[in-house]
Amino acid sequence: MHELVRAWTERKGLALIAATALVNALVLIPFNQLQWVVANIAIRPAAALPVVLGILFGPAAAWGLGIGNIAGDLFGSWSPMSIPGFVINVLYPYVSYLLWHRIMKGHEIRTDLYSIGSFLSVTIVSTLVCMALLALAGTLFFARPFEAKFISYFGNNIVFALTFGTAIYWLVLERAFHGGFVYGRKWDERKSG
């Protein structure tokens, strides 16, 4: 938990919080305005970002994506669910960061089959858990039907996370790592280890 607080006290953490918030908001806002829906599921390309940015920027991405989600909601989809949505959008990238580093422990940072498999596994698990928590919040606080909301939230996120998220991961992981464009205690441990 202290790692999440530390991001607010470091220049690099603050810069990455701002950058991830801005990128998330810029991707969310147009689609919140257009309200594109296919098979009763809203099209949200921003769903490609939480796992990838979470892995790269850890606690900074957590805050940035939470803030970016609130900004996106203010431009078209604000509701009482925006508050639990903020919490989940902080947890989603941070859980992804922690899981990915646990799975990748002892493995070289490169985009090989093991790394892609790790990314896909983390994407499925973190999306499943976080969308279940979001649906549960809707059920507990707003009497929304759990199953319908879970299917909607999970469907909303998993497709873009597995497709575009994997492509982004493949393109940026090694460059970001070797260029020092990563953030978080787990990355610091890997560099010093």
Protein backbone atom coordinates (compact mmCIF):
# COMPACT_ATOMS: atom_id res chain seq x y z
CA MET A 1 0.00 0.00 0.00
CA HIS A 2 2.87 2.37 0.75
CA GLU A 3 3.95 1.97 -2.88
CA LEU A 4 0.67 3.57 -3.99
CA VAL A 5 1.33 6.53 -1.69
CA ARG A 6 4.97 6.80 -2.77
CA ALA A 7 3.92 7.49 -6.37
CA TRP A 8 2.54 10.86 -5.19
CA THR A 9 5.88 11.85 -3.63
CA GLU A 10 8.22 11.24 -6.57
CA ARG A 11 8.61 13.37 -9.69
CA LYS A 12 8.56 10.36 -12.02
CA GLY A 13 5.50 8.95 -10.24
CA LEU A 14 3.63 12.25 -10.57
CA ALA A 15 4.55 12.56 -14.24
CA LEU A 16 3.32 9.03 -14.96
CA ILE A 17 0.12 9.56 -12.97
CA ALA A 18 -0.60 12.64 -15.10
CA ALA A 19 0.37 10.93 -18.37
CA THR A 20 -1.74 7.81 -17.76
CA ALA A 21 -4.71 9.91 -16.60
CA LEU A 22 -4.48 12.03 -19.74
CA VAL A 23 -4.13 9.08 -22.13
CA ASN A 24 -6.99 7.21 -20.45
CA ALA A 25 -9.28 10.25 -20.52
CA LEU A 26 -8.44 10.99 -24.17
CA VAL A 27 -9.35 7.44 -25.18
CA LEU A 28 -12.45 7.25 -22.93
CA ILE A 29 -14.13 10.58 -23.63
CA PRO A 30 -14.89 10.18 -27.36
CA PHE A 31 -16.41 6.74 -26.83
CA ASN A 32 -18.43 7.94 -23.82
CA GLN A 33 -19.85 10.66 -26.08
CA LEU A 34 -20.62 8.33 -29.00
CA GLN A 35 -22.05 5.49 -26.86
CA TRP A 36 -21.29 2.76 -29.41
CA VAL A 37 -22.88 -0.53 -28.40
CA VAL A 38 -22.51 -3.97 -30.00
CA ALA A 39 -24.49 -6.95 -28.65
CA ASN A 40 -25.58 -4.78 -25.71
CA ILE A 41 -21.93 -4.17 -24.73
CA ALA A 42 -20.42 -0.69 -24.95
CA ILE A 43 -17.32 -0.33 -27.13
CA ARG A 44 -14.48 0.92 -24.90
CA PRO A 45 -11.01 0.81 -26.49
CA ALA A 46 -9.58 2.26 -23.26
CA ALA A 47 -10.03 -1.26 -21.84
CA ALA A 48 -6.78 -2.14 -23.65
CA LEU A 49 -4.83 0.12 -21.26
CA PRO A 50 -5.16 -1.01 -17.60
CA VAL A 51 -3.17 -4.24 -17.72
CA VAL A 52 -0.42 -2.93 -20.04
CA LEU A 53 0.01 0.39 -18.26
CA GLY A 54 -0.32 -1.35 -14.90
CA ILE A 55 2.56 -3.68 -15.74
CA LEU A 56 4.74 -0.83 -16.97
CA PHE A 57 3.96 1.88 -14.42
CA GLY A 58 2.52 0.00 -11.42
CA PRO A 59 1.24 2.39 -8.75
CA ALA A 60 1.45 5.46 -11.00
CA ALA A 61 -0.74 3.76 -13.60
CA ALA A 62 -3.18 2.75 -10.87
CA TRP A 63 -3.77 6.36 -9.82
CA GLY A 64 -3.62 7.68 -13.36
CA LEU A 65 -6.18 5.24 -14.69
CA GLY A 66 -8.49 5.86 -11.74
CA ILE A 67 -8.31 9.62 -12.29
CA GLY A 68 -8.65 9.23 -16.05
CA ASN A 69 -11.75 7.11 -15.55
CA ILE A 70 -13.37 9.81 -13.40
CA ALA A 71 -12.52 12.40 -16.07
CA GLY A 72 -14.02 10.15 -18.73
CA ASP A 73 -17.17 9.63 -16.67
CA LEU A 74 -17.59 13.38 -16.22
CA PHE A 75 -17.90 13.64 -20.01
CA GLY A 76 -20.83 11.37 -20.61
CA SER A 77 -21.33 8.48 -18.24
CA TRP A 78 -21.22 9.87 -14.68
CA SER A 79 -23.36 7.83 -12.30
CA PRO A 80 -23.21 6.62 -8.70
CA MET A 81 -21.12 3.71 -10.05
CA SER A 82 -18.35 6.18 -10.92
CA ILE A 83 -17.08 6.08 -7.32
CA PRO A 84 -16.70 2.27 -7.13
CA GLY A 85 -15.46 2.55 -10.72
CA PHE A 86 -12.62 4.79 -9.53
CA VAL A 87 -11.61 2.26 -6.87
CA ILE A 88 -11.69 -0.64 -9.33
CA ASN A 89 -9.73 1.37 -11.90
CA VAL A 90 -7.03 1.87 -9.27
CA LEU A 91 -7.03 -1.82 -8.30
CA TYR A 92 -7.16 -3.24 -11.84
CA PRO A 93 -3.75 -2.00 -13.06
CA TYR A 94 -2.13 -2.44 -9.65
CA VAL A 95 -3.28 -6.05 -9.31
CA SER A 96 -2.06 -6.66 -12.88
CA TYR A 97 1.34 -5.20 -11.98
CA LEU A 98 1.69 -7.38 -8.87
CA LEU A 99 0.52 -10.59 -10.60
CA TRP A 100 2.69 -10.09 -13.67
CA HIS A 101 5.82 -9.47 -11.63
CA ARG A 102 5.12 -12.57 -9.54
CA ILE A 103 4.70 -14.74 -12.65
CA MET A 104 7.71 -13.20 -14.41
CA LYS A 105 10.03 -13.53 -11.40
CA GLY A 106 13.28 -15.11 -12.54
CA HIS A 107 12.42 -14.66 -16.24
CA GLU A 108 14.11 -12.25 -18.60
CA ILE A 109 12.09 -9.24 -19.74
CA ARG A 110 11.42 -9.92 -23.40
CA THR A 111 8.42 -10.58 -25.58
CA ASP A 112 8.70 -14.34 -25.94
CA LEU A 113 5.95 -16.95 -25.60
CA TYR A 114 6.33 -17.15 -21.82
CA SER A 115 5.98 -13.39 -21.47
CA ILE A 116 2.93 -13.24 -23.76
CA GLY A 117 1.37 -16.19 -21.92
CA SER A 118 2.01 -14.39 -18.63
CA PHE A 119 0.39 -11.25 -19.99
CA LEU A 120 -2.67 -13.16 -21.23
CA SER A 121 -3.02 -15.02 -17.91
CA VAL A 122 -2.74 -11.81 -15.89
CA THR A 123 -5.22 -10.10 -18.21
CA ILE A 124 -7.83 -12.82 -17.78
CA VAL A 125 -7.42 -13.16 -14.00
CA SER A 126 -7.25 -9.45 -13.15
CA THR A 127 -10.12 -8.59 -15.52
CA LEU A 128 -12.28 -11.38 -14.11
CA VAL A 129 -11.62 -10.42 -10.48
CA CYS A 130 -11.94 -6.66 -10.92
CA MET A 131 -15.07 -6.81 -13.06
CA ALA A 132 -16.65 -9.20 -10.54
CA LEU A 133 -15.85 -6.66 -7.79
CA LEU A 134 -17.37 -3.87 -9.86
CA ALA A 135 -20.54 -5.89 -10.51
CA LEU A 136 -20.67 -6.77 -6.81
CA ALA A 137 -20.45 -3.07 -5.90
CA GLY A 138 -23.36 -2.39 -8.25
CA THR A 139 -25.37 -5.17 -6.61
CA LEU A 140 -24.61 -4.20 -3.01
CA PHE A 141 -24.90 -0.43 -3.29
CA PHE A 142 -27.32 0.08 -6.17
CA ALA A 143 -29.37 -3.16 -6.34
CA ARG A 144 -28.21 -3.90 -9.88
CA PRO A 145 -28.36 -7.54 -11.05
CA PHE A 146 -24.92 -9.11 -10.55
CA GLU A 147 -24.92 -11.53 -13.49
CA ALA A 148 -26.04 -8.98 -16.09
CA LYS A 149 -23.61 -6.33 -14.86
CA PHE A 150 -20.71 -8.78 -14.61
CA ILE A 151 -21.27 -10.04 -18.17
CA SER A 152 -21.47 -6.45 -19.40
CA TYR A 153 -18.37 -5.26 -17.53
CA PHE A 154 -16.31 -8.34 -18.30
CA GLY A 155 -17.31 -8.35 -21.97
CA ASN A 156 -16.62 -4.63 -22.11
CA ASN A 157 -13.05 -5.11 -20.95
CA ILE A 158 -11.74 -8.52 -21.90
CA VAL A 159 -11.96 -8.24 -25.70
CA PHE A 160 -9.90 -5.04 -25.95
CA ALA A 161 -7.54 -6.12 -23.16
CA LEU A 162 -6.72 -9.40 -24.91
CA THR A 163 -6.46 -8.00 -28.44
CA PHE A 164 -5.20 -4.42 -28.48
CA GLY A 165 -3.68 -4.79 -25.01
CA THR A 166 -1.58 -7.73 -26.18
CA ALA A 167 -0.46 -5.82 -29.28
CA ILE A 168 0.58 -2.80 -27.19
CA TYR A 169 2.37 -5.07 -24.72
CA TRP A 170 4.23 -6.80 -27.55
CA LEU A 171 5.30 -3.47 -29.06
CA VAL A 172 6.40 -1.60 -25.93
CA LEU A 173 7.52 -3.99 -23.18
CA GLU A 174 11.18 -4.43 -24.11
CA ARG A 175 11.64 -0.83 -25.26
CA ALA A 176 10.10 0.54 -22.07
CA PHE A 177 12.18 -1.75 -19.85
CA HIS A 178 15.51 -1.16 -21.58
CA GLY A 179 14.80 2.57 -21.90
CA GLY A 180 14.05 2.87 -18.18
CA PHE A 181 10.49 3.91 -18.91
CA VAL A 182 8.99 1.71 -16.19
CA TYR A 183 7.99 2.57 -12.65
CA GLY A 184 7.38 0.84 -9.34
CA ARG A 185 9.12 -1.01 -6.55
CA LYS A 186 8.95 -4.33 -8.45
CA TRP A 187 10.85 -2.78 -11.37
CA ASP A 188 13.41 -1.30 -8.95
CA GLU A 189 13.91 -4.75 -7.40
CA ARG A 190 14.39 -6.29 -10.82
CA LYS A 191 17.00 -3.69 -11.83
CA SER A 192 18.95 -4.08 -8.59
CA GLY A 193 18.62 -7.89 -8.47
